């Protein structure tokens, strides 16, 4: 389930929180995934327009499975001072799925084609970078085991990047 939240002042925020609370209740009962995204325009260093994107994904299994909340987007806090800033590079939403013969990593990178993606794998650290025009993405992941780059395949279609790491 994916929702895109629009702005609307205090009323919009309260409506969004109410909807989020209801969706989380449904998620707790049925298991699954929920994500929320918020977009807005800001001015960059040289007054160039930057698109701020921030969101989160909540994944919840049935029973005693863990709850996982993962942020994505291009808004991060500075290490000193805790001020939020908009970066040119977005962090894509990523799922890591363990399979019998390895791991499947699925990343959402809208606007990026297969030739725009660079992937690096060192033991259990996977780095994904994609860039096309003003769309720039980067993510570093810790995989649930060590893999060899020679056993990795990368494909992309309609902004969905799939990376398979075989054992």
C-alpha atoms as a PDB file:
ATOM      1  CA  UNK A   1       0.000   0.000   0.000  1.00  0.00           C
ATOM      2  CA  UNK A   2       1.479   3.371  -0.960  1.00  0.00           C
ATOM      3  CA  UNK A   3       0.034   6.773  -0.154  1.00  0.00           C
ATOM      4  CA  UNK A   4       1.140  10.165  -1.370  1.00  0.00           C
ATOM      5  CA  UNK A   5       0.342  12.897   1.124  1.00  0.00           C
ATOM      6  CA  UNK A   6      -0.598  16.396  -0.027  1.00  0.00           C
ATOM      7  CA  UNK A   7      -0.073  19.549   1.987  1.00  0.00           C
ATOM      8  CA  UNK A   8      -3.003  21.389   3.535  1.00  0.00           C
ATOM      9  CA  UNK A   9      -1.882  23.095   6.733  1.00  0.00           C
ATOM     10  CA  UNK A  10      -2.855  21.798  10.170  1.00  0.00           C
ATOM     11  CA  UNK A  11      -6.041  20.217   8.829  1.00  0.00           C
ATOM     12  CA  UNK A  12      -4.054  18.308   6.203  1.00  0.00           C
ATOM     13  CA  UNK A  13      -1.526  17.119   8.808  1.00  0.00           C
ATOM     14  CA  UNK A  14      -4.259  15.887  11.176  1.00  0.00           C
ATOM     15  CA  UNK A  15      -6.084  14.163   8.314  1.00  0.00           C
ATOM     16  CA  UNK A  16      -2.811  12.531   7.240  1.00  0.00           C
ATOM     17  CA  UNK A  17      -2.036  11.329  10.778  1.00  0.00           C
ATOM     18  CA  UNK A  18      -5.547   9.897  11.152  1.00  0.00           C
ATOM     19  CA  UNK A  19      -5.203   8.018   7.862  1.00  0.00           C
ATOM     20  CA  UNK A  20      -1.736   6.781   8.834  1.00  0.00           C
ATOM     21  CA  UNK A  21      -2.978   5.529  12.213  1.00  0.00           C
ATOM     22  CA  UNK A  22      -5.828   3.622  10.542  1.00  0.00           C
ATOM     23  CA  UNK A  23      -3.456   2.130   7.947  1.00  0.00           C
ATOM     24  CA  UNK A  24      -0.996   1.024  10.662  1.00  0.00           C
ATOM     25  CA  UNK A  25      -3.870  -0.666  12.529  1.00  0.00           C
ATOM     26  CA  UNK A  26      -4.798  -2.582   9.357  1.00  0.00           C
ATOM     27  CA  UNK A  27      -1.137  -3.456   8.822  1.00  0.00           C
ATOM     28  CA  UNK A  28      -0.823  -4.856  12.356  1.00  0.00           C
ATOM     29  CA  UNK A  29      -3.855  -7.104  11.769  1.00  0.00           C
ATOM     30  CA  UNK A  30      -2.991  -8.357   8.276  1.00  0.00           C
ATOM     31  CA  UNK A  31       0.776  -7.925   7.948  1.00  0.00           C
ATOM     32  CA  UNK A  32       2.272  -6.238   4.911  1.00  0.00           C
ATOM     33  CA  UNK A  33       3.828  -2.937   3.929  1.00  0.00           C
ATOM     34  CA  UNK A  34       2.882   0.743   4.118  1.00  0.00           C
ATOM     35  CA  UNK A  35       4.744   3.743   2.782  1.00  0.00           C
ATOM     36  CA  UNK A  36       4.145   7.494   2.861  1.00  0.00           C
ATOM     37  CA  UNK A  37       5.826  10.135   0.706  1.00  0.00           C
ATOM     38  CA  UNK A  38       5.880  13.933   0.922  1.00  0.00           C
ATOM     39  CA  UNK A  39       7.307  16.201  -1.798  1.00  0.00           C
ATOM     40  CA  UNK A  40       7.970  19.961  -1.740  1.00  0.00           C
ATOM     41  CA  UNK A  41      10.089  22.619  -3.481  1.00  0.00           C
ATOM     42  CA  UNK A  42      12.981  24.487  -1.804  1.00  0.00           C
ATOM     43  CA  UNK A  43      15.761  26.762  -3.057  1.00  0.00           C
ATOM     44  CA  UNK A  44      19.302  25.393  -3.219  1.00  0.00           C
ATOM     45  CA  UNK A  45      22.665  27.069  -2.602  1.00  0.00           C
ATOM     46  CA  UNK A  46      22.539  29.211  -5.745  1.00  0.00           C
ATOM     47  CA  UNK A  47      18.760  29.766  -5.617  1.00  0.00           C
ATOM     48  CA  UNK A  48      18.225  26.808  -7.969  1.00  0.00           C
ATOM     49  CA  UNK A  49      14.975  24.930  -7.279  1.00  0.00           C
ATOM     50  CA  UNK A  50      15.404  21.604  -5.477  1.00  0.00           C
ATOM     51  CA  UNK A  51      12.680  19.022  -4.987  1.00  0.00           C
ATOM     52  CA  UNK A  52      12.570  17.752  -1.423  1.00  0.00           C
ATOM     53  CA  UNK A  53      11.324  14.174  -1.084  1.00  0.00           C
ATOM     54  CA  UNK A  54      10.941  12.355   2.208  1.00  0.00           C
ATOM     55  CA  UNK A  55       9.122   9.207   3.029  1.00  0.00           C
ATOM     56  CA  UNK A  56       9.128   6.055   5.041  1.00  0.00           C
ATOM     57  CA  UNK A  57       8.215   2.449   4.579  1.00  0.00           C
ATOM     58  CA  UNK A  58       6.793   0.283   7.375  1.00  0.00           C
ATOM     59  CA  UNK A  59       7.001  -3.478   6.902  1.00  0.00           C
ATOM     60  CA  UNK A  60       5.241  -5.738   9.334  1.00  0.00           C
ATOM     61  CA  UNK A  61       4.807  -9.494   9.367  1.00  0.00           C
ATOM     62  CA  UNK A  62       2.126 -11.508  11.072  1.00  0.00           C
ATOM     63  CA  UNK A  63       2.616 -12.873  14.573  1.00  0.00           C
ATOM     64  CA  UNK A  64       5.934 -12.197  16.261  1.00  0.00           C
ATOM     65  CA  UNK A  65       7.827 -11.049  13.152  1.00  0.00           C
ATOM     66  CA  UNK A  66       9.740  -7.802  13.496  1.00  0.00           C
ATOM     67  CA  UNK A  67       8.510  -4.362  12.474  1.00  0.00           C
ATOM     68  CA  UNK A  68      10.856  -2.520  10.148  1.00  0.00           C
ATOM     69  CA  UNK A  69      10.663   1.256   9.500  1.00  0.00           C
ATOM     70  CA  UNK A  70      12.958   2.566   6.771  1.00  0.00           C
ATOM     71  CA  UNK A  71      13.208   6.209   5.661  1.00  0.00           C
ATOM     72  CA  UNK A  72      13.930   7.205   2.072  1.00  0.00           C
ATOM     73  CA  UNK A  73      14.308  10.430   0.099  1.00  0.00           C
ATOM     74  CA  UNK A  74      16.815  13.260  -0.050  1.00  0.00           C
ATOM     75  CA  UNK A  75      16.256  15.039   3.278  1.00  0.00           C
ATOM     76  CA  UNK A  76      18.758  14.334   6.027  1.00  0.00           C
ATOM     77  CA  UNK A  77      19.855  15.947   9.267  1.00  0.00           C
ATOM     78  CA  UNK A  78      23.337  17.412   9.508  1.00  0.00           C
ATOM     79  CA  UNK A  79      25.685  15.639  11.918  1.00  0.00           C
ATOM     80  CA  UNK A  80      26.421  18.870  13.746  1.00  0.00           C
ATOM     81  CA  UNK A  81      23.440  20.930  14.772  1.00  0.00           C
ATOM     82  CA  UNK A  82      20.719  18.510  13.649  1.00  0.00           C
ATOM     83  CA  UNK A  83      19.452  20.892  10.929  1.00  0.00           C
ATOM     84  CA  UNK A  84      17.522  19.218   8.089  1.00  0.00           C
ATOM     85  CA  UNK A  85      18.855  19.865   4.587  1.00  0.00           C
ATOM     86  CA  UNK A  86      17.848  18.781   1.074  1.00  0.00           C
ATOM     87  CA  UNK A  87      20.490  16.843  -0.862  1.00  0.00           C
ATOM     88  CA  UNK A  88      20.645  16.460  -4.632  1.00  0.00           C
ATOM     89  CA  UNK A  89      20.982  12.687  -4.219  1.00  0.00           C
ATOM     90  CA  UNK A  90      17.939  10.715  -3.078  1.00  0.00           C
ATOM     91  CA  UNK A  91      17.999   7.520  -1.072  1.00  0.00           C
ATOM     92  CA  UNK A  92      15.701   5.059  -2.874  1.00  0.00           C
ATOM     93  CA  UNK A  93      13.183   2.787  -1.194  1.00  0.00           C
ATOM     94  CA  UNK A  94      14.775  -0.690  -1.102  1.00  0.00           C
ATOM     95  CA  UNK A  95      13.575  -4.204  -0.241  1.00  0.00           C
ATOM     96  CA  UNK A  96      16.029  -7.033   0.505  1.00  0.00           C
ATOM     97  CA  UNK A  97      14.437 -10.435   0.024  1.00  0.00           C
ATOM     98  CA  UNK A  98      16.197 -13.632   1.055  1.00  0.00           C
ATOM     99  CA  UNK A  99      15.668 -16.482  -1.406  1.00  0.00           C
ATOM    100  CA  UNK A 100      16.779 -20.134  -1.416  1.00  0.00           C
ATOM    101  CA  UNK A 101      19.622 -19.476  -3.836  1.00  0.00           C
ATOM    102  CA  UNK A 102      20.664 -15.998  -2.624  1.00  0.00           C
ATOM    103  CA  UNK A 103      19.295 -12.506  -2.147  1.00  0.00           C
ATOM    104  CA  UNK A 104      17.086 -10.290  -4.308  1.00  0.00           C
ATOM    105  CA  UNK A 105      17.406  -6.520  -3.816  1.00  0.00           C
ATOM    106  CA  UNK A 106      14.622  -4.380  -5.310  1.00  0.00           C
ATOM    107  CA  UNK A 107      15.140  -0.598  -5.445  1.00  0.00           C
ATOM    108  CA  UNK A 108      12.702   2.065  -6.654  1.00  0.00           C
ATOM    109  CA  UNK A 109      14.545   4.621  -8.805  1.00  0.00           C
ATOM    110  CA  UNK A 110      11.956   6.424 -10.983  1.00  0.00           C
ATOM    111  CA  UNK A 111      13.393   7.989 -14.132  1.00  0.00           C
ATOM    112  CA  UNK A 112      16.528   5.804 -14.210  1.00  0.00           C
ATOM    113  CA  UNK A 113      17.283   3.195 -16.893  1.00  0.00           C
ATOM    114  CA  UNK A 114      19.515   0.093 -16.708  1.00  0.00           C
ATOM    115  CA  UNK A 115      22.499   1.884 -18.306  1.00  0.00           C
ATOM    116  CA  UNK A 116      22.342   4.644 -15.668  1.00  0.00           C
ATOM    117  CA  UNK A 117      22.978   2.268 -12.755  1.00  0.00           C
ATOM    118  CA  UNK A 118      26.317   1.458 -11.134  1.00  0.00           C
ATOM    119  CA  UNK A 119      26.519  -1.330  -8.573  1.00  0.00           C
ATOM    120  CA  UNK A 120      29.457  -2.329  -6.391  1.00  0.00           C
ATOM    121  CA  UNK A 121      29.615  -5.392  -4.150  1.00  0.00           C
ATOM    122  CA  UNK A 122      32.292  -6.077  -1.541  1.00  0.00           C
ATOM    123  CA  UNK A 123      31.557  -9.154   0.572  1.00  0.00           C
ATOM    124  CA  UNK A 124      28.274  -8.206   2.313  1.00  0.00           C
ATOM    125  CA  UNK A 125      28.172  -4.483   1.385  1.00  0.00           C
ATOM    126  CA  UNK A 126      26.157  -3.524  -1.705  1.00  0.00           C
ATOM    127  CA  UNK A 127      26.373   0.025  -3.109  1.00  0.00           C
ATOM    128  CA  UNK A 128      23.798   1.178  -5.662  1.00  0.00           C
ATOM    129  CA  UNK A 129      24.065   4.453  -7.614  1.00  0.00           C
ATOM    130  CA  UNK A 130      21.808   5.699 -10.395  1.00  0.00           C
ATOM    131  CA  UNK A 131      21.762   8.987 -12.261  1.00  0.00           C
ATOM    132  CA  UNK A 132      19.836  10.348 -15.243  1.00  0.00           C
ATOM    133  CA  UNK A 133      19.338  14.073 -15.699  1.00  0.00           C
ATOM    134  CA  UNK A 134      18.253  15.595 -12.393  1.00  0.00           C
ATOM    135  CA  UNK A 135      17.353  12.169 -10.934  1.00  0.00           C
ATOM    136  CA  UNK A 136      20.198  11.000  -8.674  1.00  0.00           C
ATOM    137  CA  UNK A 137      20.002   8.035  -6.295  1.00  0.00           C
ATOM    138  CA  UNK A 138      22.448   6.353  -3.930  1.00  0.00           C
ATOM    139  CA  UNK A 139      22.120   3.627  -1.297  1.00  0.00           C
ATOM    140  CA  UNK A 140      24.522   1.384   0.607  1.00  0.00           C
ATOM    141  CA  UNK A 141      23.159  -1.856   2.084  1.00  0.00           C
ATOM    142  CA  UNK A 142      24.400  -4.530   4.434  1.00  0.00           C
ATOM    143  CA  UNK A 143      23.372  -7.877   2.931  1.00  0.00           C
ATOM    144  CA  UNK A 144      22.592 -10.961   5.061  1.00  0.00           C
ATOM    145  CA  UNK A 145      25.788 -12.704   3.924  1.00  0.00           C
ATOM    146  CA  UNK A 146      28.838 -12.393   1.680  1.00  0.00           C
ATOM    147  CA  UNK A 147      28.461 -12.649  -2.094  1.00  0.00           C
ATOM    148  CA  UNK A 148      30.742 -12.469  -5.138  1.00  0.00           C
ATOM    149  CA  UNK A 149      30.291  -9.792  -7.792  1.00  0.00           C
ATOM    150  CA  UNK A 150      30.628 -12.492 -10.490  1.00  0.00           C
ATOM    151  CA  UNK A 151      27.433 -14.118  -9.109  1.00  0.00           C
ATOM    152  CA  UNK A 152      25.430 -10.864  -9.314  1.00  0.00           C
ATOM    153  CA  UNK A 153      22.956  -9.767 -12.029  1.00  0.00           C
ATOM    154  CA  UNK A 154      21.397  -6.312 -12.394  1.00  0.00           C
ATOM    155  CA  UNK A 155      18.262  -5.415 -14.346  1.00  0.00           C
ATOM    156  CA  UNK A 156      16.038  -2.336 -14.491  1.00  0.00           C
ATOM    157  CA  UNK A 157      12.645  -1.635 -16.016  1.00  0.00           C
ATOM    158  CA  UNK A 158      10.287   1.301 -15.442  1.00  0.00           C
ATOM    159  CA  UNK A 159      12.374   2.631 -12.534  1.00  0.00           C
ATOM    160  CA  UNK A 160      12.454  -0.702 -10.671  1.00  0.00           C
ATOM    161  CA  UNK A 161      16.001  -2.026 -10.224  1.00  0.00           C
ATOM    162  CA  UNK A 162      16.495  -5.711  -9.379  1.00  0.00           C
ATOM    163  CA  UNK A 163      19.845  -7.007  -8.172  1.00  0.00           C
ATOM    164  CA  UNK A 164      20.209 -10.760  -7.687  1.00  0.00           C
ATOM    165  CA  UNK A 165      23.145 -12.061  -5.653  1.00  0.00           C
ATOM    166  CA  UNK A 166      23.482 -15.828  -5.917  1.00  0.00           C
ATOM    167  CA  UNK A 167      25.267 -18.028  -3.388  1.00  0.00           C
END
